[in-house]
Every structure is written in C-alpha cells, then in structure tokens.
C-alpha cells in the first residue's frame, strides 16, 4: 500500500448513501474506487453531461451523461437492516475477516 493511498472498507458493488454535497441522500452502487486519489464513482450520483465528437464508435456524436467521481469521505455504507448510512467494522473469525455494521451487527457478504 502506498503512503498516499486512502484506507476504506468499501468495495465495488456495495450500496452506499451520499451524506453531503449536491446529491445528499441519494443511494447507489459503487462502480469504481480510486484509493490513490481518495475518489469514488457511484451509480446515478454526480452525473455530468459530456459532449462527444463524432468517431467510428459513435458516428453521430452527441451529448452523453456520465457519473463523475466524488470524494470518498462524502459516502457511507447503506445498511439494509438499519435503513441508513453506517460505519463498518471488521470482525475477525478463526480464519476469515468479515465486515459488519457497527449499529446492528449484521454481517456484510
């Protein structure tokens, strides 16, 4: 692990909730995590329009809407049992580590 990287217990395909910013309260699935920059891309959050020039893949060009990264500190894991954003802890069993919700203790697969 590099000295400049951000530690997080979030993983790709986790459900998260945005806790601050313009998209506060919106939920989505994690698509990409950049630990070096401390940024995260969440499905349906921080969507911006991108203007595409015509190319071979996209002969007409046009405007597309893509998700842009937000700071990793602006999201929390969404617990289905608690129905809100929660912190995660790691529960160490005999030979495996397990992520659990700090509020209700529910194990996250």
PDB file of N, CA and C in Angstrom:
ATOM      1  N   UNK A   1       0.845  -1.167   0.000  1.00  0.00           N
ATOM      2  CA  UNK A   1       0.000   0.000   0.000  1.00  0.00           C
ATOM      3  C   UNK A   1       0.892   1.233   0.000  1.00  0.00           C
ATOM      4  N   UNK A   2       0.571   2.192  -0.844  1.00  0.00           N
ATOM      5  CA  UNK A   2       1.352   3.409  -0.945  1.00  0.00           C
ATOM      6  C   UNK A   2       1.040   4.332   0.229  1.00  0.00           C
ATOM      7  N   UNK A   3       1.972   5.235   0.492  1.00  0.00           N
ATOM      8  CA  UNK A   3       1.807   6.146   1.621  1.00  0.00           C
ATOM      9  C   UNK A   3       0.669   7.128   1.402  1.00  0.00           C
ATOM     10  N   UNK A   4       0.378   7.474   0.152  1.00  0.00           N
ATOM     11  CA  UNK A   4      -0.649   8.473  -0.145  1.00  0.00           C
ATOM     12  C   UNK A   4      -2.035   7.878  -0.333  1.00  0.00           C
ATOM     13  N   UNK A   5      -2.193   6.571  -0.258  1.00  0.00           N
ATOM     14  CA  UNK A   5      -3.492   5.966  -0.534  1.00  0.00           C
ATOM     15  C   UNK A   5      -4.426   6.081   0.669  1.00  0.00           C
ATOM     16  N   UNK A   6      -5.734   6.059   0.379  1.00  0.00           N
ATOM     17  CA  UNK A   6      -6.764   6.197   1.398  1.00  0.00           C
ATOM     18  C   UNK A   6      -7.263   4.811   1.793  1.00  0.00           C
ATOM     19  N   UNK A   7      -7.358   4.552   3.094  1.00  0.00           N
ATOM     20  CA  UNK A   7      -7.900   3.277   3.565  1.00  0.00           C
ATOM     21  C   UNK A   7      -9.414   3.386   3.655  1.00  0.00           C
ATOM     22  N   UNK A   8     -10.097   2.383   3.166  1.00  0.00           N
ATOM     23  CA  UNK A   8     -11.552   2.337   3.251  1.00  0.00           C
ATOM     24  C   UNK A   8     -12.014   0.892   3.326  1.00  0.00           C
ATOM     25  N   UNK A   9     -13.171   0.686   3.926  1.00  0.00           N
ATOM     26  CA  UNK A   9     -13.736  -0.658   3.996  1.00  0.00           C
ATOM     27  C   UNK A   9     -14.781  -0.877   2.908  1.00  0.00           C
ATOM     28  N   UNK A  10     -14.991   0.124   2.066  1.00  0.00           N
ATOM     29  CA  UNK A  10     -15.940  -0.009   0.957  1.00  0.00           C
ATOM     30  C   UNK A  10     -15.324  -0.828  -0.159  1.00  0.00           C
ATOM     31  N   UNK A  11     -16.184  -1.539  -0.886  1.00  0.00           N
ATOM     32  CA  UNK A  11     -15.755  -2.336  -2.031  1.00  0.00           C
ATOM     33  C   UNK A  11     -16.681  -2.051  -3.202  1.00  0.00           C
ATOM     34  N   UNK A  12     -16.251  -2.451  -4.392  1.00  0.00           N
ATOM     35  CA  UNK A  12     -17.070  -2.299  -5.586  1.00  0.00           C
ATOM     36  C   UNK A  12     -18.345  -3.133  -5.415  1.00  0.00           C
ATOM     37  N   UNK A  13     -19.464  -2.627  -5.892  1.00  0.00           N
ATOM     38  CA  UNK A  13     -20.814  -3.224  -5.814  1.00  0.00           C
ATOM     39  C   UNK A  13     -21.468  -3.066  -4.447  1.00  0.00           C
ATOM     40  N   UNK A  14     -20.853  -2.346  -3.504  1.00  0.00           N
ATOM     41  CA  UNK A  14     -21.509  -2.025  -2.234  1.00  0.00           C
ATOM     42  C   UNK A  14     -22.563  -0.954  -2.474  1.00  0.00           C
ATOM     43  N   UNK A  15     -23.643  -0.996  -1.704  1.00  0.00           N
ATOM     44  CA  UNK A  15     -24.641   0.064  -1.745  1.00  0.00           C
ATOM     45  C   UNK A  15     -24.229   1.138  -0.750  1.00  0.00           C
ATOM     46  N   UNK A  16     -24.175   2.383  -1.243  1.00  0.00           N
ATOM     47  CA  UNK A  16     -23.756   3.494  -0.398  1.00  0.00           C
ATOM     48  C   UNK A  16     -24.787   4.608  -0.482  1.00  0.00           C
ATOM     49  N   UNK A  17     -24.729   5.528   0.492  1.00  0.00           N
ATOM     50  CA  UNK A  17     -25.584   6.708   0.514  1.00  0.00           C
ATOM     51  C   UNK A  17     -24.673   7.926   0.601  1.00  0.00           C
ATOM     52  N   UNK A  18     -25.006   8.979  -0.161  1.00  0.00           N
ATOM     53  CA  UNK A  18     -24.228  10.209  -0.146  1.00  0.00           C
ATOM     54  C   UNK A  18     -24.662  11.021   1.072  1.00  0.00           C
ATOM     55  N   UNK A  19     -23.698  11.471   1.878  1.00  0.00           N
ATOM     56  CA  UNK A  19     -24.026  12.157   3.132  1.00  0.00           C
ATOM     57  C   UNK A  19     -23.855  13.666   3.053  1.00  0.00           C
ATOM     58  N   UNK A  20     -23.203  14.196   2.016  1.00  0.00           N
ATOM     59  CA  UNK A  20     -23.096  15.642   1.864  1.00  0.00           C
ATOM     60  C   UNK A  20     -22.843  15.992   0.402  1.00  0.00           C
ATOM     61  N   UNK A  21     -23.143  17.229   0.069  1.00  0.00           N
ATOM     62  CA  UNK A  21     -22.971  17.693  -1.298  1.00  0.00           C
ATOM     63  C   UNK A  21     -24.310  17.858  -1.994  1.00  0.00           C
ATOM     64  N   UNK A  22     -24.266  18.120  -3.286  1.00  0.00           N
ATOM     65  CA  UNK A  22     -25.476  18.379  -4.064  1.00  0.00           C
ATOM     66  C   UNK A  22     -26.385  17.153  -4.154  1.00  0.00           C
ATOM     67  N   UNK A  23     -25.801  15.952  -4.117  1.00  0.00           N
ATOM     68  CA  UNK A  23     -26.577  14.716  -4.235  1.00  0.00           C
ATOM     69  C   UNK A  23     -26.845  14.067  -2.881  1.00  0.00           C
ATOM     70  N   UNK A  24     -26.890  14.856  -1.819  1.00  0.00           N
ATOM     71  CA  UNK A  24     -27.086  14.322  -0.473  1.00  0.00           C
ATOM     72  C   UNK A  24     -28.372  13.508  -0.377  1.00  0.00           C
ATOM     73  N   UNK A  25     -28.263  12.308   0.239  1.00  0.00           N
ATOM     74  CA  UNK A  25     -29.422  11.449   0.433  1.00  0.00           C
ATOM     75  C   UNK A  25     -29.627  10.439  -0.684  1.00  0.00           C
ATOM     76  N   UNK A  26     -28.933  10.585  -1.799  1.00  0.00           N
ATOM     77  CA  UNK A  26     -29.096   9.645  -2.915  1.00  0.00           C
ATOM     78  C   UNK A  26     -28.296   8.386  -2.644  1.00  0.00           C
ATOM     79  N   UNK A  27     -28.875   7.254  -3.077  1.00  0.00           N
ATOM     80  CA  UNK A  27     -28.221   5.968  -2.894  1.00  0.00           C
ATOM     81  C   UNK A  27     -27.812   5.411  -4.239  1.00  0.00           C
ATOM     82  N   UNK A  28     -26.770   4.589  -4.227  1.00  0.00           N
ATOM     83  CA  UNK A  28     -26.325   3.962  -5.461  1.00  0.00           C
ATOM     84  C   UNK A  28     -25.280   2.901  -5.178  1.00  0.00           C
ATOM     85  N   UNK A  29     -24.884   2.224  -6.248  1.00  0.00           N
ATOM     86  CA  UNK A  29     -23.909   1.150  -6.165  1.00  0.00           C
ATOM     87  C   UNK A  29     -22.532   1.694  -6.531  1.00  0.00           C
ATOM     88  N   UNK A  30     -21.504   1.260  -5.831  1.00  0.00           N
ATOM     89  CA  UNK A  30     -20.139   1.699  -6.105  1.00  0.00           C
ATOM     90  C   UNK A  30     -19.672   1.050  -7.408  1.00  0.00           C
ATOM     91  N   UNK A  31     -19.218   1.880  -8.364  1.00  0.00           N
ATOM     92  CA  UNK A  31     -18.723   1.378  -9.639  1.00  0.00           C
ATOM     93  C   UNK A  31     -17.202   1.295  -9.671  1.00  0.00           C
ATOM     94  N   UNK A  32     -16.527   2.255  -9.010  1.00  0.00           N
ATOM     95  CA  UNK A  32     -15.066   2.316  -9.075  1.00  0.00           C
ATOM     96  C   UNK A  32     -14.545   3.058  -7.847  1.00  0.00           C
ATOM     97  N   UNK A  33     -13.430   2.594  -7.300  1.00  0.00           N
ATOM     98  CA  UNK A  33     -12.786   3.255  -6.167  1.00  0.00           C
ATOM     99  C   UNK A  33     -11.337   3.563  -6.547  1.00  0.00           C
ATOM    100  N   UNK A  34     -10.940   4.826  -6.424  1.00  0.00           N
ATOM    101  CA  UNK A  34      -9.556   5.238  -6.651  1.00  0.00           C
ATOM    102  C   UNK A  34      -8.957   5.590  -5.292  1.00  0.00           C
ATOM    103  N   UNK A  35      -8.289   4.626  -4.676  1.00  0.00           N
ATOM    104  CA  UNK A  35      -7.746   4.820  -3.342  1.00  0.00           C
ATOM    105  C   UNK A  35      -6.590   5.821  -3.336  1.00  0.00           C
ATOM    106  N   UNK A  36      -5.873   5.924  -4.442  1.00  0.00           N
ATOM    107  CA  UNK A  36      -4.733   6.839  -4.512  1.00  0.00           C
ATOM    108  C   UNK A  36      -5.186   8.293  -4.441  1.00  0.00           C
ATOM    109  N   UNK A  37      -6.296   8.611  -5.121  1.00  0.00           N
ATOM    110  CA  UNK A  37      -6.820   9.972  -5.124  1.00  0.00           C
ATOM    111  C   UNK A  37      -7.901  10.196  -4.073  1.00  0.00           C
ATOM    112  N   UNK A  38      -8.402   9.115  -3.468  1.00  0.00           N
ATOM    113  CA  UNK A  38      -9.457   9.239  -2.462  1.00  0.00           C
ATOM    114  C   UNK A  38     -10.798   9.588  -3.085  1.00  0.00           C
ATOM    115  N   UNK A  39     -11.079   9.062  -4.286  1.00  0.00           N
ATOM    116  CA  UNK A  39     -12.305   9.364  -5.013  1.00  0.00           C
ATOM    117  C   UNK A  39     -13.077   8.066  -5.257  1.00  0.00           C
ATOM    118  N   UNK A  40     -14.394   8.218  -5.447  1.00  0.00           N
ATOM    119  CA  UNK A  40     -15.263   7.066  -5.664  1.00  0.00           C
ATOM    120  C   UNK A  40     -16.318   7.428  -6.698  1.00  0.00           C
ATOM    121  N   UNK A  41     -16.676   6.471  -7.561  1.00  0.00           N
ATOM    122  CA  UNK A  41     -17.721   6.676  -8.557  1.00  0.00           C
ATOM    123  C   UNK A  41     -18.929   5.855  -8.136  1.00  0.00           C
ATOM    124  N   UNK A  42     -20.076   6.537  -7.978  1.00  0.00           N
ATOM    125  CA  UNK A  42     -21.312   5.883  -7.534  1.00  0.00           C
ATOM    126  C   UNK A  42     -22.335   5.990  -8.655  1.00  0.00           C
ATOM    127  N   UNK A  43     -23.047   4.881  -8.903  1.00  0.00           N
ATOM    128  CA  UNK A  43     -24.029   4.823  -9.979  1.00  0.00           C
ATOM    129  C   UNK A  43     -25.171   5.817  -9.740  1.00  0.00           C
ATOM    130  N   UNK A  44     -25.407   6.700 -10.710  1.00  0.00           N
ATOM    131  CA  UNK A  44     -26.507   7.647 -10.648  1.00  0.00           C
ATOM    132  C   UNK A  44     -26.246   8.889  -9.810  1.00  0.00           C
ATOM    133  N   UNK A  45     -25.015   9.077  -9.336  1.00  0.00           N
ATOM    134  CA  UNK A  45     -24.682  10.215  -8.483  1.00  0.00           C
ATOM    135  C   UNK A  45     -23.630  11.072  -9.187  1.00  0.00           C
ATOM    136  N   UNK A  46     -23.765  12.399  -9.072  1.00  0.00           N
ATOM    137  CA  UNK A  46     -22.832  13.365  -9.659  1.00  0.00           C
ATOM    138  C   UNK A  46     -22.736  13.192 -11.175  1.00  0.00           C
ATOM    139  N   UNK A  47     -23.898  13.120 -11.822  1.00  0.00           N
ATOM    140  CA  UNK A  47     -23.932  12.946 -13.267  1.00  0.00           C
ATOM    141  C   UNK A  47     -23.660  14.284 -13.954  1.00  0.00           C
ATOM    142  N   UNK A  48     -22.788  14.246 -14.955  1.00  0.00           N
ATOM    143  CA  UNK A  48     -22.437  15.416 -15.744  1.00  0.00           C
ATOM    144  C   UNK A  48     -22.602  15.068 -17.219  1.00  0.00           C
ATOM    145  N   UNK A  49     -22.858  16.091 -18.017  1.00  0.00           N
ATOM    146  CA  UNK A  49     -23.002  15.888 -19.455  1.00  0.00           C
ATOM    147  C   UNK A  49     -21.638  15.989 -20.119  1.00  0.00           C
ATOM    148  N   UNK A  50     -21.388  15.098 -21.071  1.00  0.00           N
ATOM    149  CA  UNK A  50     -20.142  15.112 -21.826  1.00  0.00           C
ATOM    150  C   UNK A  50     -20.499  15.221 -23.300  1.00  0.00           C
ATOM    151  N   UNK A  51     -19.835  16.128 -23.994  1.00  0.00           N
ATOM    152  CA  UNK A  51     -20.096  16.362 -25.409  1.00  0.00           C
ATOM    153  C   UNK A  51     -19.119  15.543 -26.225  1.00  0.00           C
ATOM    154  N   UNK A  52     -19.656  14.627 -27.027  1.00  0.00           N
ATOM    155  CA  UNK A  52     -18.828  13.697 -27.787  1.00  0.00           C
ATOM    156  C   UNK A  52     -18.721  14.137 -29.240  1.00  0.00           C
ATOM    157  N   UNK A  53     -17.489  14.156 -29.746  1.00  0.00           N
ATOM    158  CA  UNK A  53     -17.273  14.413 -31.168  1.00  0.00           C
ATOM    159  C   UNK A  53     -17.619  13.146 -31.937  1.00  0.00           C
ATOM    160  N   UNK A  54     -18.012  13.264 -33.179  1.00  0.00           N
ATOM    161  CA  UNK A  54     -18.255  12.056 -33.975  1.00  0.00           C
ATOM    162  C   UNK A  54     -16.978  11.228 -34.120  1.00  0.00           C
ATOM    163  N   UNK A  55     -17.116   9.914 -33.967  1.00  0.00           N
ATOM    164  CA  UNK A  55     -15.982   8.990 -34.113  1.00  0.00           C
ATOM    165  C   UNK A  55     -16.504   7.716 -34.758  1.00  0.00           C
ATOM    166  N   UNK A  56     -15.620   6.735 -34.927  1.00  0.00           N
ATOM    167  CA  UNK A  56     -16.051   5.474 -35.536  1.00  0.00           C
ATOM    168  C   UNK A  56     -17.027   4.731 -34.639  1.00  0.00           C
ATOM    169  N   UNK A  57     -16.799   4.758 -33.335  1.00  0.00           N
ATOM    170  CA  UNK A  57     -17.710   4.072 -32.407  1.00  0.00           C
ATOM    171  C   UNK A  57     -19.033   4.816 -32.277  1.00  0.00           C
ATOM    172  N   UNK A  58     -18.990   6.140 -32.342  1.00  0.00           N
ATOM    173  CA  UNK A  58     -20.168   6.981 -32.181  1.00  0.00           C
ATOM    174  C   UNK A  58     -20.235   7.945 -33.368  1.00  0.00           C
ATOM    175  N   UNK A  59     -20.750   7.481 -34.526  1.00  0.00           N
ATOM    176  CA  UNK A  59     -20.669   8.287 -35.750  1.00  0.00           C
ATOM    177  C   UNK A  59     -21.442   9.600 -35.690  1.00  0.00           C
ATOM    178  N   UNK A  60     -22.516   9.676 -34.897  1.00  0.00           N
ATOM    179  CA  UNK A  60     -23.290  10.914 -34.836  1.00  0.00           C
ATOM    180  C   UNK A  60     -22.759  11.890 -33.795  1.00  0.00           C
ATOM    181  N   UNK A  61     -21.969  11.403 -32.845  1.00  0.00           N
ATOM    182  CA  UNK A  61     -21.534  12.269 -31.749  1.00  0.00           C
ATOM    183  C   UNK A  61     -22.702  12.501 -30.811  1.00  0.00           C
ATOM    184  N   UNK A  62     -22.735  13.659 -30.153  1.00  0.00           N
ATOM    185  CA  UNK A  62     -23.873  13.996 -29.306  1.00  0.00           C
ATOM    186  C   UNK A  62     -23.479  14.214 -27.857  1.00  0.00           C
ATOM    187  N   UNK A  63     -24.488  14.250 -27.011  1.00  0.00           N
ATOM    188  CA  UNK A  63     -24.308  14.523 -25.584  1.00  0.00           C
ATOM    189  C   UNK A  63     -24.639  13.260 -24.807  1.00  0.00           C
ATOM    190  N   UNK A  64     -23.715  12.836 -23.947  1.00  0.00           N
ATOM    191  CA  UNK A  64     -23.980  11.692 -23.080  1.00  0.00           C
ATOM    192  C   UNK A  64     -23.863  12.147 -21.626  1.00  0.00           C
ATOM    193  N   UNK A  65     -24.479  11.412 -20.721  1.00  0.00           N
ATOM    194  CA  UNK A  65     -24.455  11.731 -19.303  1.00  0.00           C
ATOM    195  C   UNK A  65     -23.655  10.642 -18.596  1.00  0.00           C
ATOM    196  N   UNK A  66     -22.591  11.043 -17.876  1.00  0.00           N
ATOM    197  CA  UNK A  66     -21.744  10.074 -17.195  1.00  0.00           C
ATOM    198  C   UNK A  66     -21.610  10.441 -15.722  1.00  0.00           C
ATOM    199  N   UNK A  67     -21.287   9.429 -14.898  1.00  0.00           N
ATOM    200  CA  UNK A  67     -21.047   9.655 -13.482  1.00  0.00           C
ATOM    201  C   UNK A  67     -19.608  10.112 -13.294  1.00  0.00           C
ATOM    202  N   UNK A  68     -19.418  11.149 -12.490  1.00  0.00           N
ATOM    203  CA  UNK A  68     -18.097  11.673 -12.197  1.00  0.00           C
ATOM    204  C   UNK A  68     -17.736  11.279 -10.761  1.00  0.00           C
ATOM    205  N   UNK A  69     -16.438  11.192 -10.439  1.00  0.00           N
ATOM    206  CA  UNK A  69     -16.040  10.795  -9.089  1.00  0.00           C
ATOM    207  C   UNK A  69     -16.355  11.863  -8.038  1.00  0.00           C
ATOM    208  N   UNK A  70     -16.640  11.409  -6.830  1.00  0.00           N
ATOM    209  CA  UNK A  70     -16.808  12.299  -5.679  1.00  0.00           C
ATOM    210  C   UNK A  70     -15.832  11.851  -4.606  1.00  0.00           C
ATOM    211  N   UNK A  71     -15.644  12.669  -3.601  1.00  0.00           N
ATOM    212  CA  UNK A  71     -14.708  12.329  -2.535  1.00  0.00           C
ATOM    213  C   UNK A  71     -15.250  11.155  -1.719  1.00  0.00           C
ATOM    214  N   UNK A  72     -14.356  10.272  -1.334  1.00  0.00           N
ATOM    215  CA  UNK A  72     -14.766   9.048  -0.633  1.00  0.00           C
ATOM    216  C   UNK A  72     -15.320   9.347   0.761  1.00  0.00           C
ATOM    217  N   UNK A  73     -14.983  10.515   1.318  1.00  0.00           N
ATOM    218  CA  UNK A  73     -15.488  10.881   2.641  1.00  0.00           C
ATOM    219  C   UNK A  73     -16.941  11.336   2.590  1.00  0.00           C
ATOM    220  N   UNK A  74     -17.490  11.537   1.394  1.00  0.00           N
ATOM    221  CA  UNK A  74     -18.867  12.004   1.247  1.00  0.00           C
ATOM    222  C   UNK A  74     -19.878  10.868   1.153  1.00  0.00           C
ATOM    223  N   UNK A  75     -19.452   9.612   1.286  1.00  0.00           N
ATOM    224  CA  UNK A  75     -20.380   8.480   1.211  1.00  0.00           C
ATOM    225  C   UNK A  75     -20.213   7.588   2.432  1.00  0.00           C
ATOM    226  N   UNK A  76     -21.299   6.884   2.764  1.00  0.00           N
ATOM    227  CA  UNK A  76     -21.286   5.879   3.822  1.00  0.00           C
ATOM    228  C   UNK A  76     -21.973   4.627   3.316  1.00  0.00           C
ATOM    229  N   UNK A  77     -21.591   3.495   3.867  1.00  0.00           N
ATOM    230  CA  UNK A  77     -22.225   2.227   3.521  1.00  0.00           C
ATOM    231  C   UNK A  77     -23.689   2.268   3.948  1.00  0.00           C
ATOM    232  N   UNK A  78     -24.597   1.763   3.089  1.00  0.00           N
ATOM    233  CA  UNK A  78     -26.023   1.736   3.409  1.00  0.00           C
ATOM    234  C   UNK A  78     -26.399   0.354   3.912  1.00  0.00           C
ATOM    235  N   UNK A  79     -26.811   0.277   5.177  1.00  0.00           N
ATOM    236  CA  UNK A  79     -27.225  -0.988   5.795  1.00  0.00           C
ATOM    237  C   UNK A  79     -28.713  -1.207   5.515  1.00  0.00           C
ATOM    238  N   UNK A  80     -29.060  -2.359   4.964  1.00  0.00           N
ATOM    239  CA  UNK A  80     -30.456  -2.679   4.645  1.00  0.00           C
ATOM    240  C   UNK A  80     -31.290  -2.859   5.913  1.00  0.00           C
ATOM    241  N   UNK A  81     -30.681  -3.343   6.976  1.00  0.00           N
ATOM    242  CA  UNK A  81     -31.426  -3.576   8.217  1.00  0.00           C
ATOM    243  C   UNK A  81     -31.680  -2.258   8.956  1.00  0.00           C
ATOM    244  N   UNK A  82     -30.653  -1.395   9.045  1.00  0.00           N
ATOM    245  CA  UNK A  82     -30.785  -0.112   9.747  1.00  0.00           C
ATOM    246  C   UNK A  82     -31.493   0.943   8.897  1.00  0.00           C
ATOM    247  N   UNK A  83     -31.494   0.775   7.580  1.00  0.00           N
ATOM    248  CA  UNK A  83     -32.095   1.714   6.626  1.00  0.00           C
ATOM    249  C   UNK A  83     -31.431   3.090   6.665  1.00  0.00           C
ATOM    250  N   UNK A  84     -30.096   3.112   6.916  1.00  0.00           N
ATOM    251  CA  UNK A  84     -29.371   4.380   6.874  1.00  0.00           C
ATOM    252  C   UNK A  84     -27.878   4.110   6.674  1.00  0.00           C
ATOM    253  N   UNK A  85     -27.127   5.190   6.487  1.00  0.00           N
ATOM    254  CA  UNK A  85     -25.691   5.072   6.315  1.00  0.00           C
ATOM    255  C   UNK A  85     -25.018   4.735   7.633  1.00  0.00           C
ATOM    256  N   UNK A  86     -24.105   3.766   7.601  1.00  0.00           N
ATOM    257  CA  UNK A  86     -23.440   3.311   8.819  1.00  0.00           C
ATOM    258  C   UNK A  86     -21.943   3.141   8.569  1.00  0.00           C
ATOM    259  N   UNK A  87     -21.204   3.080   9.673  1.00  0.00           N
ATOM    260  CA  UNK A  87     -19.791   2.740   9.600  1.00  0.00           C
ATOM    261  C   UNK A  87     -19.664   1.228   9.624  1.00  0.00           C
ATOM    262  N   UNK A  88     -18.562   0.728   9.071  1.00  0.00           N
ATOM    263  CA  UNK A  88     -18.300  -0.701   9.062  1.00  0.00           C
ATOM    264  C   UNK A  88     -17.125  -1.019   9.963  1.00  0.00           C
ATOM    265  N   UNK A  89     -17.167  -2.195  10.570  1.00  0.00           N
ATOM    266  CA  UNK A  89     -16.025  -2.692  11.319  1.00  0.00           C
ATOM    267  C   UNK A  89     -15.682  -4.070  10.781  1.00  0.00           C
ATOM    268  N   UNK A  90     -14.514  -4.552  11.148  1.00  0.00           N
ATOM    269  CA  UNK A  90     -14.072  -5.869  10.695  1.00  0.00           C
ATOM    270  C   UNK A  90     -14.103  -6.822  11.869  1.00  0.00           C
ATOM    271  N   UNK A  91     -14.830  -7.916  11.699  1.00  0.00           N
ATOM    272  CA  UNK A  91     -14.926  -8.957  12.716  1.00  0.00           C
ATOM    273  C   UNK A  91     -14.014 -10.099  12.275  1.00  0.00           C
ATOM    274  N   UNK A  92     -13.031 -10.435  13.080  1.00  0.00           N
ATOM    275  CA  UNK A  92     -12.071 -11.470  12.716  1.00  0.00           C
ATOM    276  C   UNK A  92     -12.514 -12.791  13.323  1.00  0.00           C
ATOM    277  N   UNK A  93     -12.855 -13.728  12.451  1.00  0.00           N
ATOM    278  CA  UNK A  93     -13.203 -15.076  12.889  1.00  0.00           C
ATOM    279  C   UNK A  93     -11.911 -15.900  12.922  1.00  0.00           C
ATOM    280  N   UNK A  94     -12.015 -17.216  12.990  1.00  0.00           N
ATOM    281  CA  UNK A  94     -10.840 -18.069  13.107  1.00  0.00           C
ATOM    282  C   UNK A  94      -9.877 -17.883  11.926  1.00  0.00           C
ATOM    283  N   UNK A  95     -10.386 -17.998  10.696  1.00  0.00           N
ATOM    284  CA  UNK A  95      -9.508 -17.876   9.542  1.00  0.00           C
ATOM    285  C   UNK A  95     -10.006 -16.870   8.524  1.00  0.00           C
ATOM    286  N   UNK A  96     -11.012 -16.099   8.870  1.00  0.00           N
ATOM    287  CA  UNK A  96     -11.556 -15.152   7.893  1.00  0.00           C
ATOM    288  C   UNK A  96     -11.907 -13.828   8.557  1.00  0.00           C
ATOM    289  N   UNK A  97     -11.896 -12.778   7.737  1.00  0.00           N
ATOM    290  CA  UNK A  97     -12.319 -11.458   8.186  1.00  0.00           C
ATOM    291  C   UNK A  97     -13.699 -11.197   7.612  1.00  0.00           C
ATOM    292  N   UNK A  98     -14.548 -10.554   8.380  1.00  0.00           N
ATOM    293  CA  UNK A  98     -15.918 -10.301   7.969  1.00  0.00           C
ATOM    294  C   UNK A  98     -16.256  -8.848   8.257  1.00  0.00           C
ATOM    295  N   UNK A  99     -16.847  -8.141   7.299  1.00  0.00           N
ATOM    296  CA  UNK A  99     -17.294  -6.772   7.537  1.00  0.00           C
ATOM    297  C   UNK A  99     -18.670  -6.812   8.189  1.00  0.00           C
ATOM    298  N   UNK A 100     -18.857  -6.011   9.232  1.00  0.00           N
ATOM    299  CA  UNK A 100     -20.133  -5.969   9.945  1.00  0.00           C
ATOM    300  C   UNK A 100     -20.555  -4.524  10.161  1.00  0.00           C
ATOM    301  N   UNK A 101     -21.868  -4.310  10.267  1.00  0.00           N
ATOM    302  CA  UNK A 101     -22.432  -2.998  10.566  1.00  0.00           C
ATOM    303  C   UNK A 101     -22.169  -2.684  12.034  1.00  0.00           C
ATOM    304  N   UNK A 102     -21.702  -1.462  12.316  1.00  0.00           N
ATOM    305  CA  UNK A 102     -21.417  -1.101  13.707  1.00  0.00           C
ATOM    306  C   UNK A 102     -22.678  -0.858  14.519  1.00  0.00           C
ATOM    307  N   UNK A 103     -23.801  -0.523  13.860  1.00  0.00           N
ATOM    308  CA  UNK A 103     -25.053  -0.239  14.576  1.00  0.00           C
ATOM    309  C   UNK A 103     -25.752  -1.526  14.998  1.00  0.00           C
ATOM    310  N   UNK A 104     -26.012  -2.419  14.007  1.00  0.00           N
ATOM    311  CA  UNK A 104     -26.842  -3.588  14.297  1.00  0.00           C
ATOM    312  C   UNK A 104     -26.049  -4.903  14.344  1.00  0.00           C
ATOM    313  N   UNK A 105     -24.809  -4.895  13.883  1.00  0.00           N
ATOM    314  CA  UNK A 105     -24.001  -6.110  13.917  1.00  0.00           C
ATOM    315  C   UNK A 105     -24.254  -7.064  12.779  1.00  0.00           C
ATOM    316  N   UNK A 106     -25.031  -6.635  11.780  1.00  0.00           N
ATOM    317  CA  UNK A 106     -25.334  -7.513  10.638  1.00  0.00           C
ATOM    318  C   UNK A 106     -24.087  -7.718   9.800  1.00  0.00           C
ATOM    319  N   UNK A 107     -23.845  -8.955   9.398  1.00  0.00           N
ATOM    320  CA  UNK A 107     -22.676  -9.302   8.584  1.00  0.00           C
ATOM    321  C   UNK A 107     -22.913  -8.896   7.125  1.00  0.00           C
ATOM    322  N   UNK A 108     -21.896  -8.326   6.510  1.00  0.00           N
ATOM    323  CA  UNK A 108     -21.980  -7.925   5.107  1.00  0.00           C
ATOM    324  C   UNK A 108     -21.190  -8.927   4.287  1.00  0.00           C
ATOM    325  N   UNK A 109     -21.830  -9.493   3.272  1.00  0.00           N
ATOM    326  CA  UNK A 109     -21.184 -10.510   2.437  1.00  0.00           C
ATOM    327  C   UNK A 109     -20.072  -9.939   1.609  1.00  0.00           C
TER     328      UNK A 109
END
